[in-house]
């Protein structure tokens, strides 16, 4: 059954090591060799009075030579190195054979993870037949699933006398080992994951600062490149959108100005068209006067004439003012003729005084219509 109550252990340093290892897989081998001076591994395994040398490079392992643990072995090994220059750049590994070490599988509470080395050193005689001052030991996390609240580790140890003697023999040859492990639980040479080291602190090599600085700089550069790959496209898109937005705003302002000007132009055109329509719809005043003079007989006189808003108002005298309504209505130019005041008779001339208003007909599409 799936346990959903188990605590999630987030190890940031383990993540960085994993990330460094994965990035290392992407780096070409030629570039790696420019960063570090180590190429391949020389694995030294002791057997009674002899030392067996083998080489591992790119996952391939081959036997190199076997030398006596004597003072003359150094010269013989240097001759072999002279024949193969790649051996001078290889990292040296001490691998203890079965019988020279001991492995114990142990379980501890998770709370003991931070100071696990001290806990094991304090109670080493409980887990092994040795005391802490008799052996060199290292702890390696066990593979496989872990029980909730517990951590499983492999305790690897070797007698101090055996490792000290082996170290001195290897150093006499002119080699300095990087780490020592046990053949029962060997380290993966191509990966630093879960790597342990049986060498005490006094025998361990100091990490050169220049390769470390270069490697760290490459990691930082890779981080910035990764961030740049994620951020720069988004930033460029944002800048493009901002530039387009500014251009759209400018175009909108110009469009509003043009629209406003277009409105004013349309308004002027409409006003002009109205004036033109009024001018073209209404007959010319000359035509109105000509038609009026032809309709009025010689015995009829006009004293007053006014034209306004399509209406023509006339005043005058006529022997028979009532007949003028029919005369004006019979014309195509006049319509809706009517008296606006009573007809009166002049005492002197004995003629009827009249005041008539008539609508002027206007033309549209060749047809007349009343205004």
Protein backbone atom coordinates (compact mmCIF):
# COMPACT_ATOMS: atom_id res chain seq x y z
CA UNK A 1 0.00 0.00 0.00
CA UNK A 2 1.27 3.44 -0.87
CA UNK A 3 2.43 5.41 2.15
CA UNK A 4 1.37 9.06 1.77
CA UNK A 5 2.47 10.08 5.28
CA UNK A 6 6.19 9.59 4.66
CA UNK A 7 8.40 12.68 4.95
CA UNK A 8 9.87 14.09 1.75
CA UNK A 9 13.59 14.68 2.22
CA UNK A 10 14.84 17.47 -0.03
CA UNK A 11 18.63 17.41 -0.28
CA UNK A 12 19.68 20.56 -2.14
CA UNK A 13 23.35 19.58 -2.31
CA UNK A 14 22.41 16.18 -3.74
CA UNK A 15 20.37 18.00 -6.38
CA UNK A 16 23.36 20.18 -7.26
CA UNK A 17 25.59 17.11 -7.55
CA UNK A 18 23.03 15.42 -9.80
CA UNK A 19 22.72 18.56 -11.90
CA UNK A 20 26.48 18.85 -12.19
CA UNK A 21 26.71 15.23 -13.26
CA UNK A 22 23.97 15.64 -15.87
CA UNK A 23 25.59 18.79 -17.25
CA UNK A 24 28.88 16.93 -17.42
CA UNK A 25 27.29 14.39 -19.75
CA UNK A 26 26.54 17.20 -22.20
CA UNK A 27 30.10 18.49 -22.26
CA UNK A 28 32.28 16.97 -25.02
CA UNK A 29 35.23 14.91 -23.86
CA UNK A 30 37.74 17.29 -25.44
CA UNK A 31 36.30 20.18 -23.44
CA UNK A 32 36.44 18.14 -20.24
CA UNK A 33 40.12 17.46 -20.81
CA UNK A 34 40.75 21.18 -21.14
CA UNK A 35 39.15 21.76 -17.75
CA UNK A 36 40.81 18.93 -15.81
CA UNK A 37 44.19 17.28 -16.14
CA UNK A 38 42.82 13.86 -15.11
CA UNK A 39 42.09 11.35 -17.89
CA UNK A 40 40.98 7.84 -16.99
CA UNK A 41 41.73 5.85 -13.84
CA UNK A 42 44.58 3.63 -12.67
CA UNK A 43 43.16 0.98 -10.33
CA UNK A 44 45.70 -0.56 -7.95
CA UNK A 45 44.74 -3.81 -6.24
CA UNK A 46 47.15 -5.43 -3.71
CA UNK A 47 47.66 -9.18 -3.55
CA UNK A 48 50.15 -10.51 -0.97
CA UNK A 49 53.51 -9.07 -2.07
CA UNK A 50 52.38 -7.73 -5.45
CA UNK A 51 50.43 -4.79 -6.80
CA UNK A 52 48.16 -5.30 -9.80
CA UNK A 53 47.60 -2.28 -12.07
CA UNK A 54 44.66 -1.92 -14.43
CA UNK A 55 43.35 1.07 -16.43
CA UNK A 56 39.73 2.14 -16.90
CA UNK A 57 38.83 4.81 -19.44
CA UNK A 58 35.41 5.57 -20.96
CA UNK A 59 33.93 2.55 -19.17
CA UNK A 60 36.50 0.09 -20.64
CA UNK A 61 38.91 -1.66 -18.31
CA UNK A 62 42.17 -3.37 -19.26
CA UNK A 63 45.01 -4.98 -17.33
CA UNK A 64 48.19 -2.91 -17.30
CA UNK A 65 50.91 -4.62 -15.30
CA UNK A 66 51.79 -6.37 -12.04
CA UNK A 67 54.72 -5.26 -9.85
CA UNK A 68 56.42 -6.46 -6.69
CA UNK A 69 55.97 -4.29 -3.61
CA UNK A 70 59.66 -3.38 -3.58
CA UNK A 71 61.74 -0.23 -4.10
CA UNK A 72 62.57 -1.20 -7.69
CA UNK A 73 58.91 -1.11 -8.70
CA UNK A 74 58.95 2.67 -8.99
CA UNK A 75 61.48 2.66 -11.84
CA UNK A 76 59.64 -0.10 -13.68
CA UNK A 77 56.35 1.76 -13.41
CA UNK A 78 57.90 5.05 -14.59
CA UNK A 79 59.20 3.23 -17.68
CA UNK A 80 55.67 2.03 -18.39
CA UNK A 81 54.33 5.55 -17.94
CA UNK A 82 56.93 6.85 -20.39
CA UNK A 83 55.58 4.41 -22.98
CA UNK A 84 51.98 5.59 -22.44
CA UNK A 85 51.69 9.32 -21.70
CA UNK A 86 47.97 9.05 -20.87
CA UNK A 87 48.89 7.16 -17.67
CA UNK A 88 50.51 10.31 -16.26
CA UNK A 89 47.13 12.07 -16.36
CA UNK A 90 45.09 9.22 -14.90
CA UNK A 91 43.58 9.38 -11.40
CA UNK A 92 44.91 6.69 -9.03
CA UNK A 93 42.40 4.51 -7.17
CA UNK A 94 43.19 2.01 -4.40
CA UNK A 95 40.78 -0.93 -4.50
CA UNK A 96 41.02 -3.24 -1.52
CA UNK A 97 40.41 -6.93 -2.30
CA UNK A 98 37.98 -9.21 -0.48
CA UNK A 99 39.55 -10.20 2.81
CA UNK A 100 41.12 -6.80 3.36
CA UNK A 101 37.85 -5.11 4.28
CA UNK A 102 34.47 -5.64 5.88
CA UNK A 103 30.93 -4.51 4.95
CA UNK A 104 27.94 -4.19 7.29
CA UNK A 105 24.40 -3.13 6.38
CA UNK A 106 22.98 -0.88 9.10
CA UNK A 107 19.82 1.14 9.71
CA UNK A 108 19.61 4.40 11.65
CA UNK A 109 16.88 6.91 12.46
CA UNK A 110 16.63 9.80 10.03
CA UNK A 111 17.54 12.18 12.87
CA UNK A 112 21.05 10.66 12.95
CA UNK A 113 21.75 11.55 9.30
CA UNK A 114 23.49 14.84 10.04
CA UNK A 115 26.15 13.33 12.37
CA UNK A 116 26.17 9.74 11.16
CA UNK A 117 29.98 9.46 11.14
CA UNK A 118 30.18 10.40 14.83
CA UNK A 119 27.38 8.00 15.78
CA UNK A 120 29.09 5.07 14.04
CA UNK A 121 32.53 5.94 15.43
CA UNK A 122 31.11 6.06 18.95
CA UNK A 123 29.42 2.64 18.68
CA UNK A 124 31.66 0.93 16.11
CA UNK A 125 32.52 -1.93 18.49
CA UNK A 126 28.80 -2.79 18.64
CA UNK A 127 28.55 -3.31 14.89
CA UNK A 128 32.01 -4.81 14.18
CA UNK A 129 34.78 -6.68 16.03
CA UNK A 130 36.95 -3.53 15.85
CA UNK A 131 37.28 -0.29 17.73
CA UNK A 132 37.32 3.09 16.06
CA UNK A 133 41.10 3.53 16.48
CA UNK A 134 41.83 0.20 14.76
CA UNK A 135 40.18 0.77 11.39
CA UNK A 136 39.42 3.34 8.72
CA UNK A 137 35.73 3.35 7.84
CA UNK A 138 33.32 5.09 5.48
CA UNK A 139 29.55 5.13 5.07
CA UNK A 140 27.71 4.68 1.81
CA UNK A 141 23.91 5.10 1.36
CA UNK A 142 22.29 1.79 0.45
CA UNK A 143 20.49 1.41 -2.85
CA UNK A 144 16.79 0.64 -2.99
CA UNK A 145 13.73 1.88 -1.10
CA UNK A 146 14.09 3.25 2.41
CA UNK A 147 11.75 2.52 5.29
CA UNK A 148 9.81 5.47 6.70
CA UNK A 149 11.79 7.19 9.44
CA UNK A 150 14.95 5.13 8.78
CA UNK A 151 18.00 5.35 6.55
CA UNK A 152 19.92 2.29 5.38
CA UNK A 153 23.66 2.56 4.89
CA UNK A 154 26.58 0.30 4.09
CA UNK A 155 29.43 0.52 6.60
CA UNK A 156 32.75 -0.23 4.86
CA UNK A 157 35.95 -0.56 6.91
CA UNK A 158 39.52 -1.79 6.64
CA UNK A 159 42.36 -2.23 9.19
CA UNK A 160 44.52 0.84 9.51
CA UNK A 161 47.81 -1.12 9.28
CA UNK A 162 46.84 -2.68 5.95
CA UNK A 163 45.76 0.59 4.33
CA UNK A 164 48.74 2.53 5.73
CA UNK A 165 51.17 -0.03 4.32
CA UNK A 166 49.44 -0.04 0.92
CA UNK A 167 49.45 3.75 0.80
CA UNK A 168 53.17 3.93 1.56
CA UNK A 169 53.98 1.34 -1.16
CA UNK A 170 51.94 3.24 -3.75
CA UNK A 171 53.47 6.54 -2.72
CA UNK A 172 56.96 5.03 -3.03
CA UNK A 173 56.15 4.34 -6.69
CA UNK A 174 55.40 8.04 -7.12
CA UNK A 175 51.61 7.84 -7.14
CA UNK A 176 49.09 9.65 -4.96
CA UNK A 177 45.66 7.96 -4.78
CA UNK A 178 42.48 10.00 -5.04
CA UNK A 179 40.41 7.62 -2.95
CA UNK A 180 40.30 4.04 -1.70
CA UNK A 181 37.30 1.71 -1.87
CA UNK A 182 36.46 -1.92 -1.26
CA UNK A 183 36.02 -4.52 -3.98
CA UNK A 184 32.82 -5.75 -2.33
CA UNK A 185 31.11 -2.37 -2.84
CA UNK A 186 33.18 -0.54 -5.49
CA UNK A 187 32.58 3.07 -6.41
CA UNK A 188 31.34 4.00 -9.86
CA UNK A 189 34.40 5.71 -11.31
CA UNK A 190 32.47 7.67 -13.95
CA UNK A 191 30.10 9.15 -11.37
CA UNK A 192 30.55 10.74 -7.96
CA UNK A 193 27.08 9.63 -6.82
CA UNK A 194 27.19 7.79 -3.47
CA UNK A 195 30.98 7.70 -3.63
CA UNK A 196 32.80 6.88 -0.40
CA UNK A 197 36.48 7.12 0.51
CA UNK A 198 38.36 4.92 2.96
CA UNK A 199 41.40 7.16 2.89
CA UNK A 200 41.79 9.18 6.09
CA UNK A 201 41.93 12.95 5.85
CA UNK A 202 45.71 13.02 6.13
CA UNK A 203 46.12 10.93 2.95
CA UNK A 204 43.57 12.72 0.81
CA UNK A 205 44.66 15.05 -1.96
CA UNK A 206 43.75 18.69 -1.79
CA UNK A 207 41.48 19.77 -4.62
CA UNK A 208 43.34 22.07 -7.05
CA UNK A 209 41.79 25.52 -7.02
CA UNK A 210 42.15 26.37 -10.72
CA UNK A 211 40.11 23.41 -12.08
CA UNK A 212 37.56 23.97 -9.33
CA UNK A 213 37.23 27.65 -10.23
CA UNK A 214 36.96 26.82 -13.94
CA UNK A 215 34.39 24.13 -13.29
CA UNK A 216 32.37 26.40 -11.01
CA UNK A 217 32.55 29.20 -13.57
CA UNK A 218 31.28 26.83 -16.26
CA UNK A 219 28.40 25.81 -14.02
CA UNK A 220 27.51 29.44 -13.35
CA UNK A 221 27.77 30.18 -17.07
CA UNK A 222 25.53 27.20 -17.82
CA UNK A 223 23.00 28.51 -15.28
CA UNK A 224 22.98 31.94 -16.89
CA UNK A 225 22.66 30.40 -20.35
CA UNK A 226 19.77 28.27 -19.15
CA UNK A 227 18.07 31.30 -17.62
CA UNK A 228 18.79 33.26 -20.79
CA UNK A 229 17.21 30.56 -22.95
CA UNK A 230 14.05 30.77 -20.83
CA UNK A 231 13.89 34.51 -20.19
CA UNK A 232 15.31 36.21 -23.31
CA UNK A 233 12.62 34.99 -25.77
CA UNK A 234 9.90 36.13 -23.37
CA UNK A 235 11.67 39.47 -22.86
CA UNK A 236 12.07 40.01 -26.60
CA UNK A 237 8.40 39.16 -27.13
CA UNK A 238 7.47 41.62 -24.40
CA UNK A 239 9.59 44.36 -26.00
CA UNK A 240 8.01 43.63 -29.38
CA UNK A 241 4.51 43.78 -27.92
CA UNK A 242 5.34 47.05 -26.14
CA UNK A 243 6.71 48.57 -29.36
CA UNK A 244 3.63 47.47 -31.30
CA UNK A 245 1.37 48.82 -28.55
CA UNK A 246 3.06 52.22 -28.73
CA UNK A 247 2.72 52.23 -32.51
CA UNK A 248 -0.97 51.30 -32.25
CA UNK A 249 -1.52 54.12 -29.73
CA UNK A 250 0.13 56.58 -32.12
CA UNK A 251 -1.97 55.31 -35.03
CA UNK A 252 -5.12 55.54 -32.89
CA UNK A 253 -4.34 59.19 -32.08
CA UNK A 254 -3.80 59.96 -35.76
CA UNK A 255 -6.98 58.05 -36.63
CA UNK A 256 -8.97 60.12 -34.10
CA UNK A 257 -7.58 63.33 -35.59
CA UNK A 258 -8.40 62.15 -39.10
CA UNK A 259 -11.87 61.07 -37.99
CA UNK A 260 -12.47 64.47 -36.39
CA UNK A 261 -11.28 66.25 -39.52
CA UNK A 262 -13.40 63.93 -41.65
CA UNK A 263 -16.43 64.82 -39.50
CA UNK A 264 -15.78 68.52 -40.02
CA UNK A 265 -15.34 67.98 -43.76
CA UNK A 266 -18.56 65.94 -43.90
CA UNK A 267 -20.38 68.66 -41.97
CA UNK A 268 -19.10 71.32 -44.36
CA UNK A 269 -20.09 69.15 -47.32
CA UNK A 270 -23.58 68.66 -45.87
CA UNK A 271 -24.01 72.40 -45.26
CA UNK A 272 -22.79 73.14 -48.76
CA UNK A 273 -25.08 70.49 -50.18
CA UNK A 274 -28.03 72.00 -48.32
CA UNK A 275 -27.25 75.40 -49.78
CA UNK A 276 -26.89 73.89 -53.21
CA UNK A 277 -30.15 71.97 -52.78
CA UNK A 278 -31.95 75.07 -51.66
CA UNK A 279 -30.52 77.01 -54.56
CA UNK A 280 -31.29 74.35 -57.14
CA UNK A 281 -34.70 73.35 -55.72
CA UNK A 282 -36.16 76.87 -55.72
CA UNK A 283 -36.80 78.64 -59.02
CA UNK A 284 -34.81 81.73 -59.73
CA UNK A 285 -36.45 84.94 -58.53
CA UNK A 286 -36.28 86.27 -62.09
CA UNK A 287 -38.43 83.32 -63.22
CA UNK A 288 -40.91 83.95 -60.39
CA UNK A 289 -41.25 87.65 -61.28
CA UNK A 290 -41.56 86.83 -64.97
CA UNK A 291 -44.33 84.28 -64.29
CA UNK A 292 -46.12 86.66 -61.93
CA UNK A 293 -46.03 89.57 -64.41
CA UNK A 294 -47.41 87.35 -67.17
CA UNK A 295 -50.30 86.20 -64.98
CA UNK A 296 -51.30 89.62 -63.71
CA UNK A 297 -53.48 91.60 -66.16
CA UNK A 298 -52.87 95.23 -66.96
CA UNK A 299 -55.74 96.36 -64.72
CA UNK A 300 -54.09 94.72 -61.70
CA UNK A 301 -51.22 96.43 -59.94
CA UNK A 302 -48.88 95.15 -57.23
CA UNK A 303 -47.81 97.47 -54.44
CA UNK A 304 -45.83 95.03 -52.27
CA UNK A 305 -43.96 91.74 -52.85
CA UNK A 306 -42.04 89.62 -50.29
CA UNK A 307 -40.42 86.17 -50.71
CA UNK A 308 -39.46 84.15 -47.63
CA UNK A 309 -39.04 80.41 -46.92
CA UNK A 310 -40.70 79.38 -50.14
CA UNK A 311 -43.68 81.66 -49.66
CA UNK A 312 -44.50 84.63 -51.84
CA UNK A 313 -46.68 87.37 -50.39
CA UNK A 314 -48.15 90.00 -52.73
CA UNK A 315 -50.30 93.07 -52.11
CA UNK A 316 -52.06 95.20 -54.69
CA UNK A 317 -55.26 96.36 -56.32
CA UNK A 318 -57.45 94.63 -58.87
CA UNK A 319 -60.97 95.08 -60.22
CA UNK A 320 -61.71 91.47 -59.17
CA UNK A 321 -59.31 90.18 -56.54
CA UNK A 322 -61.16 86.86 -56.13
CA UNK A 323 -60.19 85.80 -59.64
CA UNK A 324 -56.52 86.09 -58.80
CA UNK A 325 -56.63 82.93 -56.68
CA UNK A 326 -57.67 80.82 -59.67
CA UNK A 327 -55.14 82.53 -61.92
CA UNK A 328 -52.27 81.77 -59.52
CA UNK A 329 -53.43 78.17 -58.88
CA UNK A 330 -53.51 77.51 -62.63
CA UNK A 331 -49.75 78.16 -62.81
CA UNK A 332 -47.32 75.27 -62.30
CA UNK A 333 -45.01 77.59 -60.43
CA UNK A 334 -47.54 78.63 -57.75
CA UNK A 335 -49.57 76.52 -55.38
CA UNK A 336 -51.89 76.90 -52.41
CA UNK A 337 -52.83 80.53 -53.12
CA UNK A 338 -54.93 82.13 -50.35
CA UNK A 339 -55.98 85.48 -48.92
CA UNK A 340 -54.25 86.37 -45.67
CA UNK A 341 -56.50 89.36 -44.98
CA UNK A 342 -59.98 90.44 -46.02
CA UNK A 343 -60.43 92.06 -49.41
CA UNK A 344 -61.32 95.78 -49.14
CA UNK A 345 -62.33 98.40 -51.68
CA UNK A 346 -60.32 101.54 -52.19
CA UNK A 347 -62.54 104.63 -51.94
CA UNK A 348 -60.65 106.61 -54.48
CA UNK A 349 -59.83 104.10 -57.22
CA UNK A 350 -62.83 101.90 -56.52
CA UNK A 351 -60.48 98.85 -56.90
CA UNK A 352 -60.32 95.90 -54.51
CA UNK A 353 -57.27 95.82 -52.26
CA UNK A 354 -55.94 92.30 -51.67
CA UNK A 355 -53.14 90.49 -49.77
CA UNK A 356 -52.39 86.99 -51.08
CA UNK A 357 -49.83 84.40 -50.00
CA UNK A 358 -48.86 81.66 -52.40
CA UNK A 359 -46.38 78.74 -52.13
CA UNK A 360 -43.63 78.49 -54.70
CA UNK A 361 -43.33 75.03 -56.23
CA UNK A 362 -39.80 73.53 -56.44
CA UNK A 363 -38.48 70.88 -58.81
CA UNK A 364 -36.92 67.48 -57.88
CA UNK A 365 -35.81 64.87 -60.41
CA UNK A 366 -37.65 66.69 -63.13
CA UNK A 367 -40.94 66.85 -61.16
CA UNK A 368 -42.45 69.70 -59.24
CA UNK A 369 -43.27 69.46 -55.56
CA UNK A 370 -44.63 71.97 -53.10
CA UNK A 371 -42.21 73.36 -50.53
